[in-house]
Amino acid sequence: MRRTMIERTLIAGSLALGVAWAGAAAAQQVIVDPQQIAQCLCLEQTLAQRAGEMNARQGAYDQRTADLDQLDRRIARERAMVNESDPVQVARFRDLVDQRDRMAGDLDRGVIGDLQVAVGRYNETVAQHRTFCGNRFYEQNVLDRVRMTLVCPRG
């Protein structure tokens, strides 16, 4: 359930970006204002950075869920082998379950939230790019000049 919601969000963001870029080819508007071209180039840089952040967060989420799944399988295997009359085995098994609960809590409290923030930032940048730069091309001579002196704010 959790994973499906996040995957839908990621797919929506990716589709939004694809629509923005595909739409640019359909229309023939040309941006000639150097400041607007610089803004669009900086948005493209920010978009690439945010995509990287989102992918890193997705990787962390995938790793944590894989670790949790592995621990769940281990618990299921060991549950059948625990001798309930042996307090050491029972305590060891409870420790394993507690470890699983802490791992699930960390996933819920941190990793998922970090991924959602990264997806939100990415989608926000896609929307900005679509608003200011989508469906447009850059005038090549102006673009070349802007690229030579382009300095983007850190975002």
Protein backbone atom coordinates (compact mmCIF):
# COMPACT_ATOMS: atom_id res chain seq x y z
CA MET A 1 0.00 0.00 0.00
CA ARG A 2 2.69 2.45 1.05
CA ARG A 3 4.87 1.59 -1.90
CA THR A 4 2.01 1.87 -4.38
CA MET A 5 1.18 5.40 -3.25
CA ILE A 6 4.78 6.51 -3.60
CA GLU A 7 5.18 4.82 -6.98
CA ARG A 8 2.06 6.61 -8.25
CA THR A 9 3.49 9.93 -7.08
CA LEU A 10 6.80 9.23 -8.81
CA ILE A 11 5.08 8.18 -12.01
CA ALA A 12 2.91 11.30 -11.96
CA GLY A 13 6.00 13.48 -11.59
CA SER A 14 7.78 11.68 -14.41
CA LEU A 15 4.73 11.94 -16.65
CA ALA A 16 4.41 15.63 -15.89
CA LEU A 17 8.00 16.18 -16.96
CA GLY A 18 7.49 14.13 -20.12
CA VAL A 19 4.39 16.11 -21.02
CA ALA A 20 6.27 19.37 -20.48
CA TRP A 21 9.11 18.31 -22.77
CA ALA A 22 6.86 16.70 -25.37
CA GLY A 23 4.72 19.82 -25.46
CA ALA A 24 7.79 21.91 -26.27
CA ALA A 25 8.22 20.09 -29.55
CA ALA A 26 4.60 20.65 -30.54
CA ALA A 27 4.55 24.43 -30.24
CA GLN A 28 6.89 26.79 -32.05
CA GLN A 29 7.22 29.63 -29.53
CA VAL A 30 10.75 30.95 -29.21
CA ILE A 31 12.19 32.63 -26.11
CA VAL A 32 14.53 35.48 -27.01
CA ASP A 33 14.81 37.22 -23.61
CA PRO A 34 18.21 36.32 -22.09
CA GLN A 35 16.87 36.52 -18.54
CA GLN A 36 14.03 34.16 -19.31
CA ILE A 37 16.40 31.74 -21.05
CA ALA A 38 18.70 31.87 -18.01
CA GLN A 39 15.73 31.20 -15.74
CA CYS A 40 14.75 28.19 -17.83
CA LEU A 41 18.30 26.82 -17.92
CA CYS A 42 18.55 27.19 -14.15
CA LEU A 43 15.21 25.43 -13.74
CA GLU A 44 16.55 22.59 -15.90
CA GLN A 45 19.61 22.33 -13.63
CA THR A 46 17.40 22.35 -10.55
CA LEU A 47 15.18 19.72 -12.14
CA ALA A 48 18.16 17.43 -12.73
CA GLN A 49 19.35 17.99 -9.15
CA ARG A 50 15.91 17.28 -7.72
CA ALA A 51 15.56 14.17 -9.86
CA GLY A 52 18.85 12.96 -8.40
CA GLU A 53 17.64 13.68 -4.87
CA MET A 54 14.38 11.90 -5.55
CA ASN A 55 16.18 8.88 -7.00
CA ALA A 56 18.51 8.74 -3.99
CA ARG A 57 15.54 8.87 -1.60
CA GLN A 58 13.77 6.20 -3.64
CA GLY A 59 16.90 4.04 -3.40
CA ALA A 60 16.99 4.49 0.37
CA TYR A 61 13.31 3.59 0.58
CA ASP A 62 13.80 0.52 -1.62
CA GLN A 63 16.76 -0.63 0.49
CA ARG A 64 14.90 -0.16 3.77
CA THR A 65 11.81 -2.00 2.53
CA ALA A 66 14.00 -4.84 1.23
CA ASP A 67 15.72 -5.04 4.63
CA LEU A 68 12.35 -5.05 6.36
CA ASP A 69 11.03 -7.77 4.03
CA GLN A 70 14.12 -9.86 4.71
CA LEU A 71 13.66 -9.46 8.45
CA ASP A 72 9.97 -10.39 8.13
CA ARG A 73 10.96 -13.61 6.33
CA ARG A 74 13.53 -14.38 9.01
CA ILE A 75 10.95 -13.84 11.77
CA ALA A 76 8.49 -16.12 9.99
CA ARG A 77 11.15 -18.87 9.71
CA GLU A 78 12.32 -18.55 13.29
CA ARG A 79 8.84 -18.30 14.81
CA ALA A 80 8.22 -21.98 14.08
CA MET A 81 11.53 -23.00 15.64
CA VAL A 82 11.26 -21.13 18.96
CA ASN A 83 10.93 -23.38 21.97
CA GLU A 84 8.40 -21.45 24.07
CA SER A 85 9.62 -23.10 27.26
CA ASP A 86 13.17 -21.78 26.70
CA PRO A 87 13.31 -18.19 28.01
CA VAL A 88 16.57 -17.49 26.13
CA GLN A 89 15.02 -18.44 22.77
CA VAL A 90 11.86 -16.48 23.56
CA ALA A 91 13.90 -13.40 24.54
CA ARG A 92 16.04 -13.69 21.39
CA PHE A 93 12.89 -13.94 19.25
CA ARG A 94 11.30 -10.94 21.00
CA ASP A 95 14.49 -8.94 20.36
CA LEU A 96 14.18 -9.80 16.68
CA VAL A 97 10.54 -8.66 16.63
CA ASP A 98 11.50 -5.45 18.47
CA GLN A 99 14.23 -4.84 15.88
CA ARG A 100 11.63 -5.27 13.14
CA ASP A 101 9.28 -2.82 14.86
CA ARG A 102 12.04 -0.21 15.19
CA MET A 103 12.97 -0.66 11.54
CA ALA A 104 9.34 -0.25 10.45
CA GLY A 105 9.02 2.84 12.66
CA ASP A 106 12.14 4.39 11.13
CA LEU A 107 10.73 3.71 7.69
CA ASP A 108 7.40 5.32 8.56
CA ARG A 109 8.82 8.30 10.43
CA GLY A 110 11.82 9.16 8.30
CA VAL A 111 12.45 7.43 5.02
CA ILE A 112 8.94 7.75 3.60
CA GLY A 113 8.70 11.40 4.66
CA ASP A 114 12.07 12.18 3.07
CA LEU A 115 10.96 10.53 -0.16
CA GLN A 116 7.66 12.40 -0.18
CA VAL A 117 9.45 15.71 0.33
CA ALA A 118 11.85 14.92 -2.53
CA VAL A 119 8.96 13.94 -4.83
CA GLY A 120 7.10 17.12 -3.91
CA ARG A 121 10.12 19.31 -4.63
CA TYR A 122 10.66 17.56 -7.95
CA ASN A 123 7.01 17.95 -8.96
CA GLU A 124 7.08 21.62 -7.94
CA THR A 125 10.09 22.21 -10.18
CA VAL A 126 8.41 20.35 -13.06
CA ALA A 127 5.40 22.65 -12.69
CA GLN A 128 7.61 25.76 -12.62
CA HIS A 129 9.46 24.61 -15.72
CA ARG A 130 6.21 23.90 -17.51
CA THR A 131 4.83 27.32 -16.57
CA PHE A 132 7.86 29.40 -17.58
CA CYS A 133 9.59 27.31 -20.20
CA GLY A 134 7.24 24.62 -21.49
CA ASN A 135 6.08 24.69 -25.12
CA ARG A 136 8.93 27.02 -26.06
CA PHE A 137 12.31 26.90 -27.74
CA TYR A 138 15.30 29.16 -27.12
CA GLU A 139 16.76 31.49 -29.71
CA GLN A 140 20.09 29.78 -30.41
CA ASN A 141 22.36 32.87 -30.50
CA VAL A 142 20.92 34.19 -27.25
CA LEU A 143 21.09 30.72 -25.71
CA ASP A 144 24.79 30.44 -26.57
CA ARG A 145 25.53 33.83 -24.96
CA VAL A 146 23.53 33.02 -21.85
CA ARG A 147 25.27 29.67 -21.38
CA MET A 148 28.69 31.35 -21.40
CA THR A 149 27.86 33.46 -18.33
CA LEU A 150 25.13 31.40 -16.66
CA VAL A 151 25.23 31.39 -12.86
CA CYS A 152 22.28 29.73 -11.17
CA PRO A 153 21.26 30.21 -7.55
CA ARG A 154 21.66 27.15 -5.36
CA GLY A 155 18.32 25.52 -4.95
